[in-house]
Amino acid sequence: MRFIAEIDVMPHKELLDPQGKTVGKNMHHIGIEGVSDVRIGKHIQMIIEASNESSARQEVEKACQKILTNPIMEGYTYVLTAQ
């Protein structure tokens, strides 16, 4: 079976996000008002061949924990759909 994993990686809320702070502080310069906080992360899409959903989830978890995130600084969520 073929699955698509849509993974969102974000810095932990307890940590400073300098890129997000810079973007947030400068929004008013381009006419965007009312923004109180900006956090910037990354979005990753993976296509996985697996025998079932459970196996696909195991592969996504392994990828997130071993290569796609830094667990000390980042957290992740994902949605897995069969294709």
C-alpha atoms as a PDB file:
ATOM      1  CA  MET A   1       0.000   0.000   0.000  1.00  0.00           C
ATOM      2  CA  ARG A   2       1.033   3.569  -0.566  1.00  0.00           C
ATOM      3  CA  PHE A   3       0.697   6.257   2.120  1.00  0.00           C
ATOM      4  CA  ILE A   4       1.346   9.979   2.242  1.00  0.00           C
ATOM      5  CA  ALA A   5       2.666  11.452   5.480  1.00  0.00           C
ATOM      6  CA  GLU A   6       2.230  15.202   5.975  1.00  0.00           C
ATOM      7  CA  ILE A   7       4.600  16.125   8.816  1.00  0.00           C
ATOM      8  CA  ASP A   8       4.770  19.472  10.610  1.00  0.00           C
ATOM      9  CA  VAL A   9       7.869  20.236  12.686  1.00  0.00           C
ATOM     10  CA  MET A  10       7.830  23.190  15.075  1.00  0.00           C
ATOM     11  CA  PRO A  11      10.219  24.497  17.719  1.00  0.00           C
ATOM     12  CA  HIS A  12       9.131  23.757  21.286  1.00  0.00           C
ATOM     13  CA  LYS A  13       7.061  26.622  22.715  1.00  0.00           C
ATOM     14  CA  GLU A  14       9.502  26.988  25.624  1.00  0.00           C
ATOM     15  CA  LEU A  15      12.341  27.883  23.230  1.00  0.00           C
ATOM     16  CA  LEU A  16      13.042  31.184  21.561  1.00  0.00           C
ATOM     17  CA  ASP A  17      12.258  31.242  17.833  1.00  0.00           C
ATOM     18  CA  PRO A  18      14.482  34.053  16.493  1.00  0.00           C
ATOM     19  CA  GLN A  19      13.243  33.702  12.919  1.00  0.00           C
ATOM     20  CA  GLY A  20       9.622  33.886  14.063  1.00  0.00           C
ATOM     21  CA  LYS A  21      10.354  36.866  16.336  1.00  0.00           C
ATOM     22  CA  THR A  22      11.988  38.772  13.484  1.00  0.00           C
ATOM     23  CA  VAL A  23       9.091  38.110  11.117  1.00  0.00           C
ATOM     24  CA  GLY A  24       6.529  38.989  13.802  1.00  0.00           C
ATOM     25  CA  LYS A  25       8.226  42.276  14.682  1.00  0.00           C
ATOM     26  CA  ASN A  26       8.342  43.369  11.043  1.00  0.00           C
ATOM     27  CA  MET A  27       4.807  42.510   9.929  1.00  0.00           C
ATOM     28  CA  HIS A  28       3.573  46.050  10.580  1.00  0.00           C
ATOM     29  CA  HIS A  29       6.126  47.339   8.033  1.00  0.00           C
ATOM     30  CA  ILE A  30       4.160  45.638   5.262  1.00  0.00           C
ATOM     31  CA  GLY A  31       0.726  46.597   6.571  1.00  0.00           C
ATOM     32  CA  ILE A  32      -0.128  43.460   8.530  1.00  0.00           C
ATOM     33  CA  GLU A  33      -1.505  44.421  11.946  1.00  0.00           C
ATOM     34  CA  GLY A  34      -2.791  42.484  14.945  1.00  0.00           C
ATOM     35  CA  VAL A  35      -0.228  39.672  14.872  1.00  0.00           C
ATOM     36  CA  SER A  36       0.912  38.872  18.394  1.00  0.00           C
ATOM     37  CA  ASP A  37       3.252  35.928  17.793  1.00  0.00           C
ATOM     38  CA  VAL A  38       4.872  34.111  14.874  1.00  0.00           C
ATOM     39  CA  ARG A  39       6.529  30.688  15.092  1.00  0.00           C
ATOM     40  CA  ILE A  40       8.263  29.253  12.051  1.00  0.00           C
ATOM     41  CA  GLY A  41       8.750  25.545  11.419  1.00  0.00           C
ATOM     42  CA  LYS A  42       8.858  23.208   8.458  1.00  0.00           C
ATOM     43  CA  HIS A  43       6.430  21.010   6.539  1.00  0.00           C
ATOM     44  CA  ILE A  44       7.603  17.677   5.127  1.00  0.00           C
ATOM     45  CA  GLN A  45       5.731  15.318   2.814  1.00  0.00           C
ATOM     46  CA  MET A  46       6.795  11.687   2.516  1.00  0.00           C
ATOM     47  CA  ILE A  47       5.401   8.936   0.332  1.00  0.00           C
ATOM     48  CA  ILE A  48       5.763   5.551   1.990  1.00  0.00           C
ATOM     49  CA  GLU A  49       5.265   2.036   0.660  1.00  0.00           C
ATOM     50  CA  ALA A  50       4.132  -0.219   3.528  1.00  0.00           C
ATOM     51  CA  SER A  51       2.031  -3.329   3.987  1.00  0.00           C
ATOM     52  CA  ASN A  52      -0.428  -1.590   6.320  1.00  0.00           C
ATOM     53  CA  GLU A  53      -1.103   1.673   8.174  1.00  0.00           C
ATOM     54  CA  SER A  54       0.588   0.498  11.356  1.00  0.00           C
ATOM     55  CA  SER A  55       3.844  -0.221   9.501  1.00  0.00           C
ATOM     56  CA  ALA A  56       3.653   3.134   7.731  1.00  0.00           C
ATOM     57  CA  ARG A  57       3.183   4.919  11.077  1.00  0.00           C
ATOM     58  CA  GLN A  58       6.210   3.118  12.497  1.00  0.00           C
ATOM     59  CA  GLU A  59       8.320   4.317   9.576  1.00  0.00           C
ATOM     60  CA  VAL A  60       7.105   7.910   9.963  1.00  0.00           C
ATOM     61  CA  GLU A  61       7.858   7.838  13.697  1.00  0.00           C
ATOM     62  CA  LYS A  62      11.329   6.421  13.046  1.00  0.00           C
ATOM     63  CA  ALA A  63      12.075   9.077  10.409  1.00  0.00           C
ATOM     64  CA  CYS A  64      10.842  11.891  12.661  1.00  0.00           C
ATOM     65  CA  GLN A  65      12.793  10.717  15.673  1.00  0.00           C
ATOM     66  CA  LYS A  66      16.043   9.872  13.874  1.00  0.00           C
ATOM     67  CA  ILE A  67      16.471  12.359  11.037  1.00  0.00           C
ATOM     68  CA  LEU A  68      13.655  14.873  10.482  1.00  0.00           C
ATOM     69  CA  THR A  69      13.632  16.555  13.903  1.00  0.00           C
ATOM     70  CA  ASN A  70      15.918  17.522  16.722  1.00  0.00           C
ATOM     71  CA  PRO A  71      13.855  16.220  19.681  1.00  0.00           C
ATOM     72  CA  ILE A  72      15.653  18.546  22.106  1.00  0.00           C
ATOM     73  CA  MET A  73      14.441  21.622  20.223  1.00  0.00           C
ATOM     74  CA  GLU A  74      11.497  20.499  18.080  1.00  0.00           C
ATOM     75  CA  GLY A  75       8.240  18.616  18.221  1.00  0.00           C
ATOM     76  CA  TYR A  76       6.241  17.123  15.379  1.00  0.00           C
ATOM     77  CA  THR A  77       2.762  16.098  14.349  1.00  0.00           C
ATOM     78  CA  TYR A  78       1.695  14.239  11.242  1.00  0.00           C
ATOM     79  CA  VAL A  79      -1.289  13.075   9.253  1.00  0.00           C
ATOM     80  CA  LEU A  80      -1.071   9.780   7.386  1.00  0.00           C
ATOM     81  CA  THR A  81      -3.425   9.044   4.515  1.00  0.00           C
ATOM     82  CA  ALA A  82      -3.663   6.036   2.215  1.00  0.00           C
ATOM     83  CA  GLN A  83      -3.317   6.798  -1.446  1.00  0.00           C
END
